[in-house]
């Protein structure tokens, strides 16, 4: 249900931006990707952008470690054909055992930090 809600929200934004007939649920989105798959190719510009974002990201040094975890997680979630097109290395066992759990942890921490009404820590009793 959450996936469908996310796609429906994106469809509302897409419609407001002028996209005609955007997919409104996960199944429609998957069907659309399947229909476009034969046309998709990684260009030299796409490979260059991936290298830039993975190896020289525009973030301060202090943020590089969490950014690296999120970037590695994003690569691990790409379909195999997309990672191959972009010439990105994949180690399925490392992805499963380390990258995805770390990615979930960092993502949860970011969500917590950005929550508008997160509870403040209780000060210790005097």
PDB file of N, CA and C in Angstrom:
ATOM      1  N   UNK A   1       0.822  -1.201   0.000  1.00  0.00           N
ATOM      2  CA  UNK A   1       0.000   0.000   0.000  1.00  0.00           C
ATOM      3  C   UNK A   1       0.863   1.261   0.000  1.00  0.00           C
ATOM      4  N   UNK A   2       1.981   1.226   0.768  1.00  0.00           N
ATOM      5  CA  UNK A   2       2.850   2.398   0.817  1.00  0.00           C
ATOM      6  C   UNK A   2       3.493   2.663  -0.536  1.00  0.00           C
ATOM      7  N   UNK A   3       3.878   1.585  -1.250  1.00  0.00           N
ATOM      8  CA  UNK A   3       4.450   1.760  -2.587  1.00  0.00           C
ATOM      9  C   UNK A   3       3.441   2.439  -3.504  1.00  0.00           C
ATOM     10  N   UNK A   4       2.214   1.931  -3.492  1.00  0.00           N
ATOM     11  CA  UNK A   4       1.174   2.516  -4.343  1.00  0.00           C
ATOM     12  C   UNK A   4       0.921   3.974  -3.977  1.00  0.00           C
ATOM     13  N   UNK A   5       0.933   4.278  -2.672  1.00  0.00           N
ATOM     14  CA  UNK A   5       0.739   5.659  -2.234  1.00  0.00           C
ATOM     15  C   UNK A   5       1.853   6.567  -2.724  1.00  0.00           C
ATOM     16  N   UNK A   6       3.084   6.069  -2.666  1.00  0.00           N
ATOM     17  CA  UNK A   6       4.222   6.858  -3.141  1.00  0.00           C
ATOM     18  C   UNK A   6       4.099   7.135  -4.638  1.00  0.00           C
ATOM     19  N   UNK A   7       3.756   6.103  -5.412  1.00  0.00           N
ATOM     20  CA  UNK A   7       3.606   6.278  -6.861  1.00  0.00           C
ATOM     21  C   UNK A   7       2.439   7.215  -7.160  1.00  0.00           C
ATOM     22  N   UNK A   8       1.347   7.097  -6.418  1.00  0.00           N
ATOM     23  CA  UNK A   8       0.198   7.984  -6.620  1.00  0.00           C
ATOM     24  C   UNK A   8       0.570   9.432  -6.327  1.00  0.00           C
ATOM     25  N   UNK A   9       1.346   9.660  -5.254  1.00  0.00           N
ATOM     26  CA  UNK A   9       1.803  11.019  -4.943  1.00  0.00           C
ATOM     27  C   UNK A   9       2.677  11.566  -6.064  1.00  0.00           C
ATOM     28  N   UNK A  10       3.588  10.745  -6.555  1.00  0.00           N
ATOM     29  CA  UNK A  10       4.459  11.172  -7.653  1.00  0.00           C
ATOM     30  C   UNK A  10       3.643  11.456  -8.914  1.00  0.00           C
ATOM     31  N   UNK A  11       2.584  10.687  -9.134  1.00  0.00           N
ATOM     32  CA  UNK A  11       1.727  10.904 -10.305  1.00  0.00           C
ATOM     33  C   UNK A  11       1.012  12.247 -10.224  1.00  0.00           C
ATOM     34  N   UNK A  12       0.584  12.625  -9.020  1.00  0.00           N
ATOM     35  CA  UNK A  12      -0.071  13.935  -8.866  1.00  0.00           C
ATOM     36  C   UNK A  12       0.904  15.066  -9.202  1.00  0.00           C
ATOM     37  N   UNK A  13       2.140  14.940  -8.734  1.00  0.00           N
ATOM     38  CA  UNK A  13       3.155  15.948  -9.044  1.00  0.00           C
ATOM     39  C   UNK A  13       3.438  15.949 -10.543  1.00  0.00           C
ATOM     40  N   UNK A  14       3.587  14.772 -11.123  1.00  0.00           N
ATOM     41  CA  UNK A  14       3.868  14.663 -12.557  1.00  0.00           C
ATOM     42  C   UNK A  14       2.749  15.287 -13.381  1.00  0.00           C
ATOM     43  N   UNK A  15       1.516  15.038 -12.998  1.00  0.00           N
ATOM     44  CA  UNK A  15       0.378  15.616 -13.708  1.00  0.00           C
ATOM     45  C   UNK A  15       0.416  17.140 -13.626  1.00  0.00           C
ATOM     46  N   UNK A  16       0.717  17.663 -12.443  1.00  0.00           N
ATOM     47  CA  UNK A  16       0.801  19.120 -12.271  1.00  0.00           C
ATOM     48  C   UNK A  16       1.913  19.718 -13.123  1.00  0.00           C
ATOM     49  N   UNK A  17       2.947  18.917 -13.398  1.00  0.00           N
ATOM     50  CA  UNK A  17       4.057  19.387 -14.226  1.00  0.00           C
ATOM     51  C   UNK A  17       3.829  19.139 -15.716  1.00  0.00           C
ATOM     52  N   UNK A  18       2.665  18.572 -16.056  1.00  0.00           N
ATOM     53  CA  UNK A  18       2.321  18.405 -17.465  1.00  0.00           C
ATOM     54  C   UNK A  18       2.506  17.018 -18.043  1.00  0.00           C
ATOM     55  N   UNK A  19       2.854  16.032 -17.216  1.00  0.00           N
ATOM     56  CA  UNK A  19       2.999  14.668 -17.715  1.00  0.00           C
ATOM     57  C   UNK A  19       1.608  14.109 -18.001  1.00  0.00           C
ATOM     58  N   UNK A  20       1.445  13.547 -19.187  1.00  0.00           N
ATOM     59  CA  UNK A  20       0.176  12.948 -19.565  1.00  0.00           C
ATOM     60  C   UNK A  20       0.131  11.490 -19.125  1.00  0.00           C
ATOM     61  N   UNK A  21      -0.899  11.106 -18.419  1.00  0.00           N
ATOM     62  CA  UNK A  21      -1.145   9.726 -18.017  1.00  0.00           C
ATOM     63  C   UNK A  21       0.028   9.065 -17.282  1.00  0.00           C
ATOM     64  N   UNK A  22       0.491   9.635 -16.171  1.00  0.00           N
ATOM     65  CA  UNK A  22       1.573   8.977 -15.421  1.00  0.00           C
ATOM     66  C   UNK A  22       1.036   7.730 -14.718  1.00  0.00           C
ATOM     67  N   UNK A  23       1.900   6.767 -14.431  1.00  0.00           N
ATOM     68  CA  UNK A  23       1.447   5.587 -13.680  1.00  0.00           C
ATOM     69  C   UNK A  23       1.000   6.016 -12.283  1.00  0.00           C
ATOM     70  N   UNK A  24      -0.036   5.368 -11.778  1.00  0.00           N
ATOM     71  CA  UNK A  24      -0.592   5.762 -10.480  1.00  0.00           C
ATOM     72  C   UNK A  24      -0.443   4.696  -9.400  1.00  0.00           C
ATOM     73  N   UNK A  25       0.120   3.539  -9.747  1.00  0.00           N
ATOM     74  CA  UNK A  25       0.376   2.514  -8.746  1.00  0.00           C
ATOM     75  C   UNK A  25       1.614   1.721  -9.153  1.00  0.00           C
ATOM     76  N   UNK A  26       2.056   0.860  -8.252  1.00  0.00           N
ATOM     77  CA  UNK A  26       3.304   0.124  -8.466  1.00  0.00           C
ATOM     78  C   UNK A  26       3.249  -0.746  -9.719  1.00  0.00           C
ATOM     79  N   UNK A  27       2.133  -1.420  -9.952  1.00  0.00           N
ATOM     80  CA  UNK A  27       2.029  -2.296 -11.124  1.00  0.00           C
ATOM     81  C   UNK A  27       2.119  -1.490 -12.420  1.00  0.00           C
ATOM     82  N   UNK A  28       1.408  -0.366 -12.486  1.00  0.00           N
ATOM     83  CA  UNK A  28       1.481   0.474 -13.689  1.00  0.00           C
ATOM     84  C   UNK A  28       2.903   0.990 -13.913  1.00  0.00           C
ATOM     85  N   UNK A  29       3.583   1.345 -12.832  1.00  0.00           N
ATOM     86  CA  UNK A  29       4.955   1.829 -12.940  1.00  0.00           C
ATOM     87  C   UNK A  29       5.869   0.720 -13.476  1.00  0.00           C
ATOM     88  N   UNK A  30       5.728  -0.489 -12.948  1.00  0.00           N
ATOM     89  CA  UNK A  30       6.535  -1.624 -13.415  1.00  0.00           C
ATOM     90  C   UNK A  30       6.269  -1.900 -14.891  1.00  0.00           C
ATOM     91  N   UNK A  31       5.013  -1.837 -15.282  1.00  0.00           N
ATOM     92  CA  UNK A  31       4.666  -2.062 -16.696  1.00  0.00           C
ATOM     93  C   UNK A  31       5.283  -0.986 -17.590  1.00  0.00           C
ATOM     94  N   UNK A  32       5.281   0.254 -17.120  1.00  0.00           N
ATOM     95  CA  UNK A  32       5.860   1.356 -17.886  1.00  0.00           C
ATOM     96  C   UNK A  32       7.363   1.160 -18.061  1.00  0.00           C
ATOM     97  N   UNK A  33       8.037   0.785 -16.960  1.00  0.00           N
ATOM     98  CA  UNK A  33       9.479   0.525 -17.048  1.00  0.00           C
ATOM     99  C   UNK A  33       9.779  -0.616 -18.019  1.00  0.00           C
ATOM    100  N   UNK A  34       8.977  -1.666 -17.946  1.00  0.00           N
ATOM    101  CA  UNK A  34       9.175  -2.796 -18.858  1.00  0.00           C
ATOM    102  C   UNK A  34       9.005  -2.353 -20.304  1.00  0.00           C
ATOM    103  N   UNK A  35       8.017  -1.510 -20.555  1.00  0.00           N
ATOM    104  CA  UNK A  35       7.777  -1.032 -21.923  1.00  0.00           C
ATOM    105  C   UNK A  35       8.941  -0.171 -22.429  1.00  0.00           C
ATOM    106  N   UNK A  36       9.557   0.603 -21.545  1.00  0.00           N
ATOM    107  CA  UNK A  36      10.657   1.487 -21.943  1.00  0.00           C
ATOM    108  C   UNK A  36      12.016   0.805 -21.946  1.00  0.00           C
ATOM    109  N   UNK A  37      12.135  -0.336 -21.313  1.00  0.00           N
ATOM    110  CA  UNK A  37      13.435  -0.975 -21.087  1.00  0.00           C
ATOM    111  C   UNK A  37      14.277  -1.101 -22.361  1.00  0.00           C
ATOM    112  N   UNK A  38      13.677  -1.510 -23.467  1.00  0.00           N
ATOM    113  CA  UNK A  38      14.431  -1.712 -24.709  1.00  0.00           C
ATOM    114  C   UNK A  38      15.066  -0.419 -25.211  1.00  0.00           C
ATOM    115  N   UNK A  39      14.516   0.730 -24.814  1.00  0.00           N
ATOM    116  CA  UNK A  39      15.024   2.014 -25.279  1.00  0.00           C
ATOM    117  C   UNK A  39      16.122   2.593 -24.389  1.00  0.00           C
ATOM    118  N   UNK A  40      16.289   2.053 -23.202  1.00  0.00           N
ATOM    119  CA  UNK A  40      17.195   2.646 -22.228  1.00  0.00           C
ATOM    120  C   UNK A  40      18.636   2.209 -22.446  1.00  0.00           C
ATOM    121  N   UNK A  41      19.531   3.174 -22.475  1.00  0.00           N
ATOM    122  CA  UNK A  41      20.960   2.935 -22.608  1.00  0.00           C
ATOM    123  C   UNK A  41      21.709   3.950 -21.741  1.00  0.00           C
ATOM    124  N   UNK A  42      22.812   3.532 -21.173  1.00  0.00           N
ATOM    125  CA  UNK A  42      23.653   4.456 -20.416  1.00  0.00           C
ATOM    126  C   UNK A  42      24.527   5.217 -21.407  1.00  0.00           C
ATOM    127  N   UNK A  43      24.474   6.517 -21.323  1.00  0.00           N
ATOM    128  CA  UNK A  43      25.295   7.365 -22.179  1.00  0.00           C
ATOM    129  C   UNK A  43      26.610   7.664 -21.456  1.00  0.00           C
ATOM    130  N   UNK A  44      27.607   8.156 -22.183  1.00  0.00           N
ATOM    131  CA  UNK A  44      28.835   8.584 -21.502  1.00  0.00           C
ATOM    132  C   UNK A  44      28.541   9.629 -20.422  1.00  0.00           C
ATOM    133  N   UNK A  45      27.574  10.495 -20.672  1.00  0.00           N
ATOM    134  CA  UNK A  45      27.207  11.521 -19.686  1.00  0.00           C
ATOM    135  C   UNK A  45      26.616  10.886 -18.423  1.00  0.00           C
ATOM    136  N   UNK A  46      25.802   9.854 -18.602  1.00  0.00           N
ATOM    137  CA  UNK A  46      25.221   9.161 -17.441  1.00  0.00           C
ATOM    138  C   UNK A  46      26.313   8.481 -16.626  1.00  0.00           C
ATOM    139  N   UNK A  47      27.251   7.838 -17.299  1.00  0.00           N
ATOM    140  CA  UNK A  47      28.364   7.191 -16.591  1.00  0.00           C
ATOM    141  C   UNK A  47      29.212   8.225 -15.855  1.00  0.00           C
ATOM    142  N   UNK A  48      29.433   9.358 -16.501  1.00  0.00           N
ATOM    143  CA  UNK A  48      30.205  10.428 -15.872  1.00  0.00           C
ATOM    144  C   UNK A  48      29.492  10.970 -14.634  1.00  0.00           C
ATOM    145  N   UNK A  49      28.182  11.153 -14.736  1.00  0.00           N
ATOM    146  CA  UNK A  49      27.400  11.635 -13.592  1.00  0.00           C
ATOM    147  C   UNK A  49      27.450  10.624 -12.444  1.00  0.00           C
ATOM    148  N   UNK A  50      27.338   9.342 -12.763  1.00  0.00           N
ATOM    149  CA  UNK A  50      27.406   8.305 -11.723  1.00  0.00           C
ATOM    150  C   UNK A  50      28.771   8.323 -11.041  1.00  0.00           C
ATOM    151  N   UNK A  51      29.841   8.423 -11.823  1.00  0.00           N
ATOM    152  CA  UNK A  51      31.185   8.498 -11.235  1.00  0.00           C
ATOM    153  C   UNK A  51      31.306   9.719 -10.317  1.00  0.00           C
ATOM    154  N   UNK A  52      30.819  10.852 -10.782  1.00  0.00           N
ATOM    155  CA  UNK A  52      30.878  12.081  -9.981  1.00  0.00           C
ATOM    156  C   UNK A  52      30.137  11.895  -8.657  1.00  0.00           C
ATOM    157  N   UNK A  53      28.910  11.395  -8.724  1.00  0.00           N
ATOM    158  CA  UNK A  53      28.095  11.249  -7.514  1.00  0.00           C
ATOM    159  C   UNK A  53      28.644  10.200  -6.557  1.00  0.00           C
ATOM    160  N   UNK A  54      29.309   9.179  -7.095  1.00  0.00           N
ATOM    161  CA  UNK A  54      29.834   8.118  -6.239  1.00  0.00           C
ATOM    162  C   UNK A  54      31.250   8.390  -5.745  1.00  0.00           C
ATOM    163  N   UNK A  55      32.075   9.028  -6.567  1.00  0.00           N
ATOM    164  CA  UNK A  55      33.484   9.186  -6.204  1.00  0.00           C
ATOM    165  C   UNK A  55      33.875  10.592  -5.766  1.00  0.00           C
ATOM    166  N   UNK A  56      33.140  11.590  -6.201  1.00  0.00           N
ATOM    167  CA  UNK A  56      33.477  12.980  -5.854  1.00  0.00           C
ATOM    168  C   UNK A  56      32.199  13.763  -5.570  1.00  0.00           C
ATOM    169  N   UNK A  57      31.418  13.300  -4.594  1.00  0.00           N
ATOM    170  CA  UNK A  57      30.112  13.933  -4.351  1.00  0.00           C
ATOM    171  C   UNK A  57      30.261  15.352  -3.820  1.00  0.00           C
ATOM    172  N   UNK A  58      29.296  16.199  -4.125  1.00  0.00           N
ATOM    173  CA  UNK A  58      29.339  17.594  -3.663  1.00  0.00           C
ATOM    174  C   UNK A  58      28.822  17.746  -2.237  1.00  0.00           C
ATOM    175  N   UNK A  59      29.451  17.021  -1.316  1.00  0.00           N
ATOM    176  CA  UNK A  59      29.058  17.097   0.096  1.00  0.00           C
ATOM    177  C   UNK A  59      30.308  17.341   0.934  1.00  0.00           C
ATOM    178  N   UNK A  60      30.152  17.956   2.086  1.00  0.00           N
ATOM    179  CA  UNK A  60      31.316  18.195   2.959  1.00  0.00           C
ATOM    180  C   UNK A  60      31.953  16.865   3.392  1.00  0.00           C
ATOM    181  N   UNK A  61      33.230  16.922   3.708  1.00  0.00           N
ATOM    182  CA  UNK A  61      33.945  15.702   4.116  1.00  0.00           C
ATOM    183  C   UNK A  61      33.276  15.010   5.292  1.00  0.00           C
ATOM    184  N   UNK A  62      32.744  15.763   6.228  1.00  0.00           N
ATOM    185  CA  UNK A  62      32.118  15.170   7.408  1.00  0.00           C
ATOM    186  C   UNK A  62      30.891  14.333   7.046  1.00  0.00           C
ATOM    187  N   UNK A  63      30.264  14.632   5.925  1.00  0.00           N
ATOM    188  CA  UNK A  63      29.065  13.904   5.501  1.00  0.00           C
ATOM    189  C   UNK A  63      29.376  12.775   4.522  1.00  0.00           C
ATOM    190  N   UNK A  64      30.635  12.599   4.164  1.00  0.00           N
ATOM    191  CA  UNK A  64      30.984  11.602   3.146  1.00  0.00           C
ATOM    192  C   UNK A  64      30.651  10.165   3.547  1.00  0.00           C
ATOM    193  N   UNK A  65      30.870   9.805   4.791  1.00  0.00           N
ATOM    194  CA  UNK A  65      30.596   8.420   5.197  1.00  0.00           C
ATOM    195  C   UNK A  65      29.103   8.092   5.083  1.00  0.00           C
ATOM    196  N   UNK A  66      28.204   8.877   5.701  1.00  0.00           N
ATOM    197  CA  UNK A  66      26.784   8.537   5.527  1.00  0.00           C
ATOM    198  C   UNK A  66      26.338   8.654   4.071  1.00  0.00           C
ATOM    199  N   UNK A  67      26.875   9.640   3.356  1.00  0.00           N
ATOM    200  CA  UNK A  67      26.534   9.770   1.936  1.00  0.00           C
ATOM    201  C   UNK A  67      26.995   8.531   1.178  1.00  0.00           C
ATOM    202  N   UNK A  68      28.200   8.057   1.482  1.00  0.00           N
ATOM    203  CA  UNK A  68      28.715   6.859   0.816  1.00  0.00           C
ATOM    204  C   UNK A  68      27.841   5.643   1.060  1.00  0.00           C
ATOM    205  N   UNK A  69      27.346   5.511   2.286  1.00  0.00           N
ATOM    206  CA  UNK A  69      26.444   4.394   2.602  1.00  0.00           C
ATOM    207  C   UNK A  69      25.169   4.507   1.772  1.00  0.00           C
ATOM    208  N   UNK A  70      24.590   5.713   1.720  1.00  0.00           N
ATOM    209  CA  UNK A  70      23.367   5.901   0.933  1.00  0.00           C
ATOM    210  C   UNK A  70      23.620   5.668  -0.559  1.00  0.00           C
ATOM    211  N   UNK A  71      24.767   6.134  -1.063  1.00  0.00           N
ATOM    212  CA  UNK A  71      25.088   5.947  -2.480  1.00  0.00           C
ATOM    213  C   UNK A  71      25.289   4.469  -2.797  1.00  0.00           C
ATOM    214  N   UNK A  72      26.018   3.753  -1.938  1.00  0.00           N
ATOM    215  CA  UNK A  72      26.220   2.317  -2.151  1.00  0.00           C
ATOM    216  C   UNK A  72      24.886   1.580  -2.100  1.00  0.00           C
ATOM    217  N   UNK A  73      24.008   2.000  -1.190  1.00  0.00           N
ATOM    218  CA  UNK A  73      22.689   1.380  -1.106  1.00  0.00           C
ATOM    219  C   UNK A  73      21.887   1.642  -2.378  1.00  0.00           C
ATOM    220  N   UNK A  74      21.961   2.851  -2.898  1.00  0.00           N
ATOM    221  CA  UNK A  74      21.248   3.177  -4.142  1.00  0.00           C
ATOM    222  C   UNK A  74      21.739   2.291  -5.285  1.00  0.00           C
ATOM    223  N   UNK A  75      23.048   2.099  -5.375  1.00  0.00           N
ATOM    224  CA  UNK A  75      23.603   1.231  -6.423  1.00  0.00           C
ATOM    225  C   UNK A  75      23.123  -0.198  -6.221  1.00  0.00           C
ATOM    226  N   UNK A  76      23.073  -0.658  -4.974  1.00  0.00           N
ATOM    227  CA  UNK A  76      22.647  -2.040  -4.716  1.00  0.00           C
ATOM    228  C   UNK A  76      21.190  -2.275  -5.094  1.00  0.00           C
ATOM    229  N   UNK A  77      20.401  -1.210  -5.102  1.00  0.00           N
ATOM    230  CA  UNK A  77      18.975  -1.340  -5.420  1.00  0.00           C
ATOM    231  C   UNK A  77      18.677  -1.213  -6.911  1.00  0.00           C
ATOM    232  N   UNK A  78      19.686  -0.828  -7.698  1.00  0.00           N
ATOM    233  CA  UNK A  78      19.472  -0.744  -9.146  1.00  0.00           C
ATOM    234  C   UNK A  78      19.229  -2.133  -9.715  1.00  0.00           C
ATOM    235  N   UNK A  79      18.403  -2.218 -10.748  1.00  0.00           N
ATOM    236  CA  UNK A  79      18.305  -3.505 -11.446  1.00  0.00           C
ATOM    237  C   UNK A  79      19.683  -3.867 -12.010  1.00  0.00           C
ATOM    238  N   UNK A  80      19.980  -5.139 -12.101  1.00  0.00           N
ATOM    239  CA  UNK A  80      21.289  -5.587 -12.581  1.00  0.00           C
ATOM    240  C   UNK A  80      21.639  -4.995 -13.939  1.00  0.00           C
ATOM    241  N   UNK A  81      20.640  -4.936 -14.845  1.00  0.00           N
ATOM    242  CA  UNK A  81      20.928  -4.413 -16.183  1.00  0.00           C
ATOM    243  C   UNK A  81      21.347  -2.945 -16.123  1.00  0.00           C
ATOM    244  N   UNK A  82      20.767  -2.163 -15.197  1.00  0.00           N
ATOM    245  CA  UNK A  82      21.104  -0.744 -15.091  1.00  0.00           C
ATOM    246  C   UNK A  82      22.514  -0.568 -14.525  1.00  0.00           C
ATOM    247  N   UNK A  83      22.859  -1.347 -13.504  1.00  0.00           N
ATOM    248  CA  UNK A  83      24.209  -1.271 -12.949  1.00  0.00           C
ATOM    249  C   UNK A  83      25.239  -1.658 -14.005  1.00  0.00           C
ATOM    250  N   UNK A  84      24.940  -2.683 -14.787  1.00  0.00           N
ATOM    251  CA  UNK A  84      25.863  -3.107 -15.850  1.00  0.00           C
ATOM    252  C   UNK A  84      26.009  -2.011 -16.897  1.00  0.00           C
ATOM    253  N   UNK A  85      24.899  -1.390 -17.305  1.00  0.00           N
ATOM    254  CA  UNK A  85      24.954  -0.311 -18.294  1.00  0.00           C
ATOM    255  C   UNK A  85      25.820   0.849 -17.796  1.00  0.00           C
ATOM    256  N   UNK A  86      25.731   1.153 -16.505  1.00  0.00           N
ATOM    257  CA  UNK A  86      26.492   2.258 -15.935  1.00  0.00           C
ATOM    258  C   UNK A  86      27.909   1.841 -15.526  1.00  0.00           C
ATOM    259  N   UNK A  87      28.209   0.545 -15.699  1.00  0.00           N
ATOM    260  CA  UNK A  87      29.515  -0.017 -15.332  1.00  0.00           C
ATOM    261  C   UNK A  87      29.813   0.163 -13.843  1.00  0.00           C
ATOM    262  N   UNK A  88      28.804  -0.082 -13.040  1.00  0.00           N
ATOM    263  CA  UNK A  88      28.944   0.022 -11.594  1.00  0.00           C
ATOM    264  C   UNK A  88      29.161  -1.373 -11.017  1.00  0.00           C
ATOM    265  N   UNK A  89      30.132  -1.518 -10.135  1.00  0.00           N
ATOM    266  CA  UNK A  89      30.395  -2.849  -9.568  1.00  0.00           C
ATOM    267  C   UNK A  89      29.266  -3.286  -8.640  1.00  0.00           C
ATOM    268  N   UNK A  90      28.999  -4.568  -8.663  1.00  0.00           N
ATOM    269  CA  UNK A  90      27.987  -5.143  -7.778  1.00  0.00           C
ATOM    270  C   UNK A  90      28.557  -6.378  -7.114  1.00  0.00           C
ATOM    271  N   UNK A  91      28.392  -6.469  -5.814  1.00  0.00           N
ATOM    272  CA  UNK A  91      28.764  -7.653  -5.046  1.00  0.00           C
ATOM    273  C   UNK A  91      27.520  -8.077  -4.274  1.00  0.00           C
ATOM    274  N   UNK A  92      26.709  -8.962  -4.845  1.00  0.00           N
ATOM    275  CA  UNK A  92      25.419  -9.303  -4.227  1.00  0.00           C
ATOM    276  C   UNK A  92      25.500  -9.700  -2.761  1.00  0.00           C
ATOM    277  N   UNK A  93      26.488 -10.493  -2.372  1.00  0.00           N
ATOM    278  CA  UNK A  93      26.580 -10.906  -0.972  1.00  0.00           C
ATOM    279  C   UNK A  93      26.855  -9.703  -0.074  1.00  0.00           C
ATOM    280  N   UNK A  94      27.775  -8.831  -0.486  1.00  0.00           N
ATOM    281  CA  UNK A  94      28.077  -7.628   0.292  1.00  0.00           C
ATOM    282  C   UNK A  94      26.854  -6.715   0.352  1.00  0.00           C
ATOM    283  N   UNK A  95      26.142  -6.607  -0.780  1.00  0.00           N
ATOM    284  CA  UNK A  95      24.921  -5.796  -0.795  1.00  0.00           C
ATOM    285  C   UNK A  95      23.924  -6.309   0.239  1.00  0.00           C
ATOM    286  N   UNK A  96      23.696  -7.610   0.243  1.00  0.00           N
ATOM    287  CA  UNK A  96      22.695  -8.211   1.134  1.00  0.00           C
ATOM    288  C   UNK A  96      23.098  -8.151   2.603  1.00  0.00           C
ATOM    289  N   UNK A  97      24.365  -8.456   2.882  1.00  0.00           N
ATOM    290  CA  UNK A  97      24.817  -8.570   4.264  1.00  0.00           C
ATOM    291  C   UNK A  97      25.161  -7.222   4.891  1.00  0.00           C
ATOM    292  N   UNK A  98      25.705  -6.303   4.114  1.00  0.00           N
ATOM    293  CA  UNK A  98      26.195  -5.053   4.702  1.00  0.00           C
ATOM    294  C   UNK A  98      25.543  -3.796   4.143  1.00  0.00           C
ATOM    295  N   UNK A  99      25.541  -3.655   2.826  1.00  0.00           N
ATOM    296  CA  UNK A  99      25.130  -2.377   2.228  1.00  0.00           C
ATOM    297  C   UNK A  99      23.663  -2.055   2.508  1.00  0.00           C
ATOM    298  N   UNK A 100      22.773  -2.981   2.242  1.00  0.00           N
ATOM    299  CA  UNK A 100      21.345  -2.684   2.439  1.00  0.00           C
ATOM    300  C   UNK A 100      20.981  -2.467   3.905  1.00  0.00           C
ATOM    301  N   UNK A 101      21.474  -3.293   4.847  1.00  0.00           N
ATOM    302  CA  UNK A 101      21.165  -2.990   6.256  1.00  0.00           C
ATOM    303  C   UNK A 101      21.713  -1.632   6.700  1.00  0.00           C
ATOM    304  N   UNK A 102      22.939  -1.306   6.281  1.00  0.00           N
ATOM    305  CA  UNK A 102      23.482   0.011   6.627  1.00  0.00           C
ATOM    306  C   UNK A 102      22.663   1.120   5.978  1.00  0.00           C
ATOM    307  N   UNK A 103      22.261   0.914   4.746  1.00  0.00           N
ATOM    308  CA  UNK A 103      21.438   1.905   4.054  1.00  0.00           C
ATOM    309  C   UNK A 103      20.118   2.132   4.770  1.00  0.00           C
ATOM    310  N   UNK A 104      19.487   1.045   5.213  1.00  0.00           N
ATOM    311  CA  UNK A 104      18.231   1.188   5.964  1.00  0.00           C
ATOM    312  C   UNK A 104      18.467   1.959   7.254  1.00  0.00           C
ATOM    313  N   UNK A 105      19.583   1.672   7.926  1.00  0.00           N
ATOM    314  CA  UNK A 105      19.887   2.366   9.176  1.00  0.00           C
ATOM    315  C   UNK A 105      20.110   3.856   8.970  1.00  0.00           C
ATOM    316  N   UNK A 106      20.914   4.225   7.976  1.00  0.00           N
ATOM    317  CA  UNK A 106      21.175   5.640   7.715  1.00  0.00           C
ATOM    318  C   UNK A 106      19.892   6.336   7.266  1.00  0.00           C
ATOM    319  N   UNK A 107      19.107   5.669   6.423  1.00  0.00           N
ATOM    320  CA  UNK A 107      17.842   6.260   5.967  1.00  0.00           C
ATOM    321  C   UNK A 107      16.907   6.493   7.156  1.00  0.00           C
ATOM    322  N   UNK A 108      16.832   5.537   8.067  1.00  0.00           N
ATOM    323  CA  UNK A 108      15.986   5.703   9.260  1.00  0.00           C
ATOM    324  C   UNK A 108      16.469   6.872  10.105  1.00  0.00           C
ATOM    325  N   UNK A 109      17.776   7.009  10.234  1.00  0.00           N
ATOM    326  CA  UNK A 109      18.334   8.116  11.009  1.00  0.00           C
ATOM    327  C   UNK A 109      17.999   9.462  10.350  1.00  0.00           C
ATOM    328  N   UNK A 110      18.110   9.537   9.047  1.00  0.00           N
ATOM    329  CA  UNK A 110      17.767  10.772   8.334  1.00  0.00           C
ATOM    330  C   UNK A 110      16.285  11.082   8.507  1.00  0.00           C
ATOM    331  N   UNK A 111      15.433  10.075   8.363  1.00  0.00           N
ATOM    332  CA  UNK A 111      13.982  10.294   8.562  1.00  0.00           C
ATOM    333  C   UNK A 111      13.709  10.803   9.968  1.00  0.00           C
ATOM    334  N   UNK A 112      14.343  10.185  10.965  1.00  0.00           N
ATOM    335  CA  UNK A 112      14.142  10.617  12.339  1.00  0.00           C
ATOM    336  C   UNK A 112      14.585  12.070  12.503  1.00  0.00           C
ATOM    337  N   UNK A 113      15.763  12.398  11.970  1.00  0.00           N
ATOM    338  CA  UNK A 113      16.299  13.748  12.132  1.00  0.00           C
ATOM    339  C   UNK A 113      15.446  14.793  11.429  1.00  0.00           C
ATOM    340  N   UNK A 114      14.771  14.414  10.372  1.00  0.00           N
ATOM    341  CA  UNK A 114      13.980  15.375   9.600  1.00  0.00           C
ATOM    342  C   UNK A 114      12.506  15.388   9.985  1.00  0.00           C
ATOM    343  N   UNK A 115      12.104  14.532  10.894  1.00  0.00           N
ATOM    344  CA  UNK A 115      10.701  14.485  11.306  1.00  0.00           C
ATOM    345  C   UNK A 115      10.321  15.810  11.958  1.00  0.00           C
ATOM    346  N   UNK A 116       9.221  16.423  11.523  1.00  0.00           N
ATOM    347  CA  UNK A 116       8.859  17.738  12.043  1.00  0.00           C
ATOM    348  C   UNK A 116       8.485  17.727  13.522  1.00  0.00           C
ATOM    349  N   UNK A 117       7.925  16.639  14.020  1.00  0.00           N
ATOM    350  CA  UNK A 117       7.449  16.615  15.405  1.00  0.00           C
ATOM    351  C   UNK A 117       8.081  15.475  16.198  1.00  0.00           C
ATOM    352  N   UNK A 118       9.363  15.220  15.948  1.00  0.00           N
ATOM    353  CA  UNK A 118       9.972  14.110  16.689  1.00  0.00           C
ATOM    354  C   UNK A 118      10.066  14.490  18.158  1.00  0.00           C
ATOM    355  N   UNK A 119       9.889  13.527  19.035  1.00  0.00           N
ATOM    356  CA  UNK A 119       9.941  13.837  20.468  1.00  0.00           C
ATOM    357  C   UNK A 119      11.360  14.224  20.877  1.00  0.00           C
ATOM    358  N   UNK A 120      11.451  15.200  21.753  1.00  0.00           N
ATOM    359  CA  UNK A 120      12.739  15.628  22.274  1.00  0.00           C
ATOM    360  C   UNK A 120      13.178  14.627  23.340  1.00  0.00           C
ATOM    361  N   UNK A 121      14.495  14.424  23.441  1.00  0.00           N
ATOM    362  CA  UNK A 121      14.964  13.503  24.495  1.00  0.00           C
ATOM    363  C   UNK A 121      14.597  14.035  25.867  1.00  0.00           C
ATOM    364  N   UNK A 122      14.299  13.126  26.773  1.00  0.00           N
ATOM    365  CA  UNK A 122      13.985  13.493  28.153  1.00  0.00           C
ATOM    366  C   UNK A 122      15.285  13.716  28.908  1.00  0.00           C
ATOM    367  N   UNK A 123      15.420  14.866  29.571  1.00  0.00           N
ATOM    368  CA  UNK A 123      16.658  15.097  30.332  1.00  0.00           C
ATOM    369  C   UNK A 123      16.749  14.142  31.508  1.00  0.00           C
ATOM    370  N   UNK A 124      17.968  13.785  31.908  1.00  0.00           N
ATOM    371  CA  UNK A 124      18.110  12.871  33.049  1.00  0.00           C
ATOM    372  C   UNK A 124      17.582  13.525  34.329  1.00  0.00           C
ATOM    373  N   UNK A 125      17.076  12.678  35.222  1.00  0.00           N
ATOM    374  CA  UNK A 125      16.555  13.163  36.508  1.00  0.00           C
ATOM    375  C   UNK A 125      17.701  13.687  37.360  1.00  0.00           C
ATOM    376  N   UNK A 126      17.425  14.741  38.085  1.00  0.00           N
ATOM    377  CA  UNK A 126      18.463  15.357  38.941  1.00  0.00           C
ATOM    378  C   UNK A 126      18.625  14.639  40.239  1.00  0.00           C
TER     379      UNK A 126
END
